[in-house]
C-alpha cells in the first residue's frame, strides 16, 4: 500500500509540474517575499515614516498580486489555446490522411519499446475511434496530454493568493510598529519564508534541503542590502 501511495504522490507532483502549478506556486511566493521586501526596505531606507512604508508595501502587494494573476492567466490561457489549435489541426489531418497519423503512432510506439506487431495492432485499434486517435497522437507523437492543459483561472487565483502570502512576511511587522526593530523583523520573517521556499524546491527536486534554502537566503540578503542602500542614498540626496 505504501508503494502505491508513493506512486500516486509522484504522479501528482509530475502533473503539477507539467501543468505549471508548481512553477506558479514558487514564483508567486518568492516574488511576494522579495519584491515587497525590496519596496519596504527602499522606502524605510529613505527615512520614511512607518505609515508611508506600510502604504508603499501594501501598494506593492496589491500591484504585484494583480500583475502575477494577470500574467499567469494570460500565459496559461495562451498555452491552452495553442494546444487546442494543435488538436484541431490533428483532427483535420485525421480527415485528410488518417493512415499517415496511424503510421506515426505505430512508429512512436515501436520507439518506446513495443514490438512492431504489437505497435501495429495497438495503433489499428486506436484508429477505430477518431477522438481516441487524436488524444493518443497528441500524447504519443506531439508530447502533451489534452486532459492536462491546466486552467487559466486556477493559475491566476493561486498566483494571486501565493504572492499575497509571500508579501505578508515583510509587510506584517509594519502594522505593529516602527523603527530598526520592525525593519529587522521584516527581514527575518522574509528570510524564514525564503528558507522554506528554497528548502521545498531543493527537496522536491531530490537535492539537499540546505543547499536550496541557503541559496534562497543569499538572494534575499543581497536584495535587502541593495534596495536599502539605494533607498538610503536617495533619502540622503533629497534631504
Protein backbone atom coordinates (compact mmCIF):
# COMPACT_ATOMS: atom_id res chain seq x y z
CA UNK A 1 0.00 0.00 0.00
CA UNK A 2 2.83 2.41 0.85
CA UNK A 3 4.43 1.86 -2.56
CA UNK A 4 1.10 2.55 -4.28
CA UNK A 5 0.68 5.72 -2.22
CA UNK A 6 4.22 6.87 -3.08
CA UNK A 7 3.49 6.25 -6.75
CA UNK A 8 0.30 8.32 -6.53
CA UNK A 9 2.14 11.18 -4.82
CA UNK A 10 4.84 11.08 -7.52
CA UNK A 11 2.19 11.16 -10.23
CA UNK A 12 0.52 14.20 -8.63
CA UNK A 13 3.86 16.01 -8.38
CA UNK A 14 4.60 15.26 -12.02
CA UNK A 15 1.16 16.56 -13.03
CA UNK A 16 1.67 19.78 -11.03
CA UNK A 17 4.98 20.39 -12.76
CA UNK A 18 3.52 19.68 -16.21
CA UNK A 19 0.55 21.99 -15.64
CA UNK A 20 2.81 24.72 -14.29
CA UNK A 21 1.20 24.71 -10.85
CA UNK A 22 4.49 24.11 -9.05
CA UNK A 23 6.21 26.86 -11.02
CA UNK A 24 3.37 29.30 -10.34
CA UNK A 25 3.42 28.47 -6.63
CA UNK A 26 7.16 29.01 -6.28
CA UNK A 27 7.14 32.19 -8.37
CA UNK A 28 4.14 33.58 -6.51
CA UNK A 29 5.51 33.12 -3.01
CA UNK A 30 9.07 34.07 -3.93
CA UNK A 31 8.06 37.23 -5.80
CA UNK A 32 5.84 38.28 -2.92
CA UNK A 33 8.67 37.81 -0.45
CA UNK A 34 11.42 39.51 -2.39
CA UNK A 35 9.60 42.30 -4.24
CA UNK A 36 7.63 43.61 -1.26
CA UNK A 37 10.69 43.35 1.00
CA UNK A 38 12.60 45.43 -1.53
CA UNK A 39 9.87 48.07 -1.56
CA UNK A 40 9.71 48.17 2.22
CA UNK A 41 13.48 48.42 2.64
CA UNK A 42 13.89 51.05 -0.07
CA UNK A 43 11.21 53.29 1.45
CA UNK A 44 12.40 52.68 5.00
CA UNK A 45 16.00 53.30 3.93
CA UNK A 46 14.95 56.69 2.59
CA UNK A 47 13.80 57.60 6.09
CA UNK A 48 10.05 57.43 5.53
CA UNK A 49 7.63 57.12 8.43
CA UNK A 50 6.08 53.75 9.27
CA UNK A 51 2.69 54.56 7.73
CA UNK A 52 4.41 55.50 4.45
CA UNK A 53 6.40 52.27 4.48
CA UNK A 54 3.22 50.33 5.13
CA UNK A 55 1.33 52.17 2.40
CA UNK A 56 4.12 51.56 -0.14
CA UNK A 57 4.38 47.91 0.83
CA UNK A 58 0.64 47.38 0.64
CA UNK A 59 0.51 49.06 -2.76
CA UNK A 60 3.30 46.73 -3.88
CA UNK A 61 1.33 43.76 -2.55
CA UNK A 62 -1.83 44.67 -4.48
CA UNK A 63 0.02 45.62 -7.66
CA UNK A 64 2.22 42.55 -7.57
CA UNK A 65 -0.60 40.11 -6.80
CA UNK A 66 -2.80 41.50 -9.57
CA UNK A 67 0.12 41.53 -12.01
CA UNK A 68 1.05 37.94 -11.17
CA UNK A 69 -2.56 36.80 -11.53
CA UNK A 70 -3.00 38.58 -14.85
CA UNK A 71 0.32 37.26 -16.16
CA UNK A 72 -0.47 33.67 -15.20
CA UNK A 73 -3.98 33.90 -16.66
CA UNK A 74 -2.68 35.21 -19.98
CA UNK A 75 0.17 32.70 -20.08
CA UNK A 76 -1.94 29.63 -19.32
CA UNK A 77 -4.83 30.83 -21.49
CA UNK A 78 -2.48 31.30 -24.44
CA UNK A 79 -0.93 27.88 -23.84
CA UNK A 80 -4.34 26.18 -23.72
CA UNK A 81 -5.46 27.98 -26.89
CA UNK A 82 -2.28 26.98 -28.72
CA UNK A 83 -2.66 23.34 -27.73
CA UNK A 84 -6.33 23.39 -28.70
CA UNK A 85 -5.26 24.74 -32.08
CA UNK A 86 -2.90 21.80 -32.45
CA UNK A 87 -5.70 19.39 -31.52
CA UNK A 88 -7.90 20.99 -34.18
CA UNK A 89 -5.16 20.53 -36.76
CA UNK A 90 -4.75 16.88 -35.73
CA UNK A 91 -8.50 16.29 -36.25
CA UNK A 92 -8.23 17.88 -39.69
CA UNK A 93 -5.27 15.64 -40.55
CA UNK A 94 -7.27 12.59 -39.50
CA UNK A 95 -9.92 13.54 -42.03
CA UNK A 96 -7.35 14.19 -44.77
CA UNK A 97 -4.76 11.44 -44.20
CA UNK A 98 -5.65 9.14 -41.33
CA UNK A 99 -3.22 6.45 -42.44
CA UNK A 100 -0.27 8.82 -42.02
CA UNK A 101 -1.17 9.55 -38.39
CA UNK A 102 -1.71 5.85 -37.65
CA UNK A 103 1.70 5.13 -39.14
CA UNK A 104 3.31 7.81 -36.95
CA UNK A 105 1.62 6.42 -33.83
CA UNK A 106 2.89 2.96 -34.78
CA UNK A 107 6.44 4.28 -35.19
CA UNK A 108 6.24 6.12 -31.88
CA UNK A 109 5.04 3.01 -30.05
CA UNK A 110 7.84 0.98 -31.65
CA UNK A 111 10.43 3.53 -30.49
CA UNK A 112 9.17 3.29 -26.91
CA UNK A 113 9.90 -0.45 -26.81
CA UNK A 114 6.81 -2.15 -28.23
CA UNK A 115 7.28 -4.97 -30.70
CA UNK A 116 6.42 -3.99 -34.27
CA UNK A 117 3.44 -6.35 -34.43
CA UNK A 118 2.14 -5.11 -31.07
CA UNK A 119 2.58 -1.48 -32.08
CA UNK A 120 0.71 -2.03 -35.36
CA UNK A 121 -2.14 -3.83 -33.64
CA UNK A 122 -2.43 -1.16 -30.91
CA UNK A 123 -2.38 1.68 -33.44
CA UNK A 124 -5.02 -0.08 -35.53
CA UNK A 125 -7.31 -0.44 -32.52
CA UNK A 126 -6.73 3.18 -31.52
CA UNK A 127 -7.63 4.36 -35.02
CA UNK A 128 -11.11 2.88 -34.78
CA UNK A 129 -12.16 5.98 -32.84
CA UNK A 130 -11.09 9.34 -34.29
CA UNK A 131 -11.23 11.19 -30.96
CA UNK A 132 -9.20 8.47 -29.26
CA UNK A 133 -6.68 8.67 -32.09
CA UNK A 134 -6.49 12.44 -31.62
CA UNK A 135 -5.74 12.07 -27.90
CA UNK A 136 -3.19 9.29 -28.35
CA UNK A 137 -1.47 11.10 -31.22
CA UNK A 138 -1.22 14.24 -29.10
CA UNK A 139 0.32 12.33 -26.20
CA UNK A 140 2.46 9.82 -28.07
CA UNK A 141 3.70 11.87 -31.02
CA UNK A 142 3.25 15.54 -30.05
CA UNK A 143 4.20 15.10 -26.39
CA UNK A 144 1.30 16.69 -24.49
CA UNK A 145 -1.80 15.40 -22.73
CA UNK A 146 -5.07 17.03 -23.89
CA UNK A 147 -6.62 16.32 -20.49
CA UNK A 148 -3.89 18.14 -18.57
CA UNK A 149 -3.60 21.56 -20.19
CA UNK A 150 -4.28 23.49 -16.98
CA UNK A 151 -6.83 26.14 -16.02
CA UNK A 152 -6.16 29.88 -16.50
CA UNK A 153 -8.44 30.76 -13.59
CA UNK A 154 -6.82 28.30 -11.21
CA UNK A 155 -3.38 29.59 -12.19
CA UNK A 156 -4.46 33.22 -11.72
CA UNK A 157 -6.16 32.59 -8.39
CA UNK A 158 -3.29 30.57 -6.95
CA UNK A 159 -0.72 33.15 -8.10
CA UNK A 160 -2.70 35.98 -6.50
CA UNK A 161 -3.08 34.10 -3.22
CA UNK A 162 0.51 32.89 -3.06
CA UNK A 163 2.00 36.28 -3.92
CA UNK A 164 -0.13 37.81 -1.17
CA UNK A 165 1.02 35.14 1.27
CA UNK A 166 4.65 35.80 0.48
CA UNK A 167 4.22 39.58 0.63
CA UNK A 168 2.71 39.43 4.13
CA UNK A 169 6.02 38.21 5.57
CA UNK A 170 7.93 41.51 5.11
CA UNK A 171 4.83 43.66 5.47
CA UNK A 172 3.18 42.34 8.66
CA UNK A 173 5.64 43.82 11.20
CA UNK A 174 4.86 47.35 9.95
CA UNK A 175 1.28 47.01 11.13
CA UNK A 176 2.54 46.94 14.71
CA UNK A 177 5.38 49.41 14.99
CA UNK A 178 8.26 51.43 13.54
CA UNK A 179 12.00 51.74 13.73
CA UNK A 180 15.01 49.45 13.34
CA UNK A 181 13.44 46.59 15.32
CA UNK A 182 10.47 46.40 12.96
CA UNK A 183 12.83 46.63 10.00
CA UNK A 184 14.80 43.66 11.27
CA UNK A 185 11.62 41.67 11.89
CA UNK A 186 10.61 42.35 8.31
CA UNK A 187 13.93 40.97 7.08
CA UNK A 188 13.83 37.98 9.45
CA UNK A 189 10.28 36.98 8.50
CA UNK A 190 11.19 37.22 4.83
CA UNK A 191 14.36 35.19 5.41
CA UNK A 192 12.35 32.45 7.13
CA UNK A 193 9.92 32.40 4.20
CA UNK A 194 12.84 32.24 1.77
CA UNK A 195 14.40 29.34 3.66
CA UNK A 196 11.12 27.43 3.48
CA UNK A 197 10.66 28.10 -0.26
CA UNK A 198 14.29 27.28 -1.09
CA UNK A 199 14.22 24.14 1.02
CA UNK A 200 10.97 23.00 -0.59
CA UNK A 201 12.34 23.48 -4.11
CA UNK A 202 15.52 21.51 -3.35
CA UNK A 203 13.61 18.78 -1.54
CA UNK A 204 11.16 18.38 -4.44
CA UNK A 205 14.00 18.15 -6.95
CA UNK A 206 15.77 15.45 -4.92
CA UNK A 207 18.64 17.65 -3.74
CA UNK A 208 19.59 18.58 -0.21
CA UNK A 209 17.25 20.97 1.59
CA UNK A 210 20.12 23.06 2.98
CA UNK A 211 21.56 23.95 -0.42
CA UNK A 212 18.33 25.41 -1.77
CA UNK A 213 17.48 27.14 1.49
CA UNK A 214 20.88 28.83 1.73
CA UNK A 215 20.76 29.89 -1.92
CA UNK A 216 17.34 31.48 -1.42
CA UNK A 217 18.53 33.19 1.76
CA UNK A 218 21.52 34.61 -0.11
CA UNK A 219 19.23 36.12 -2.75
CA UNK A 220 17.11 37.77 -0.07
CA UNK A 221 20.14 39.15 1.79
CA UNK A 222 21.59 40.57 -1.43
CA UNK A 223 18.25 42.14 -2.38
CA UNK A 224 17.94 43.62 1.12
CA UNK A 225 21.37 45.24 1.02
CA UNK A 226 20.94 46.68 -2.46
CA UNK A 227 17.45 48.10 -2.01
CA UNK A 228 18.06 49.50 1.47
CA UNK A 229 21.28 51.09 0.23
CA UNK A 230 19.58 52.66 -2.77
CA UNK A 231 16.76 53.96 -0.57
CA UNK A 232 19.24 55.35 1.95
CA UNK A 233 21.27 57.14 -0.72
CA UNK A 234 18.11 58.55 -2.28
CA UNK A 235 16.91 59.75 1.13
CA UNK A 236 20.25 61.46 1.82
CA UNK A 237 20.33 63.12 -1.59
CA UNK A 238 16.88 64.69 -1.25
CA UNK A 239 17.19 65.71 2.40
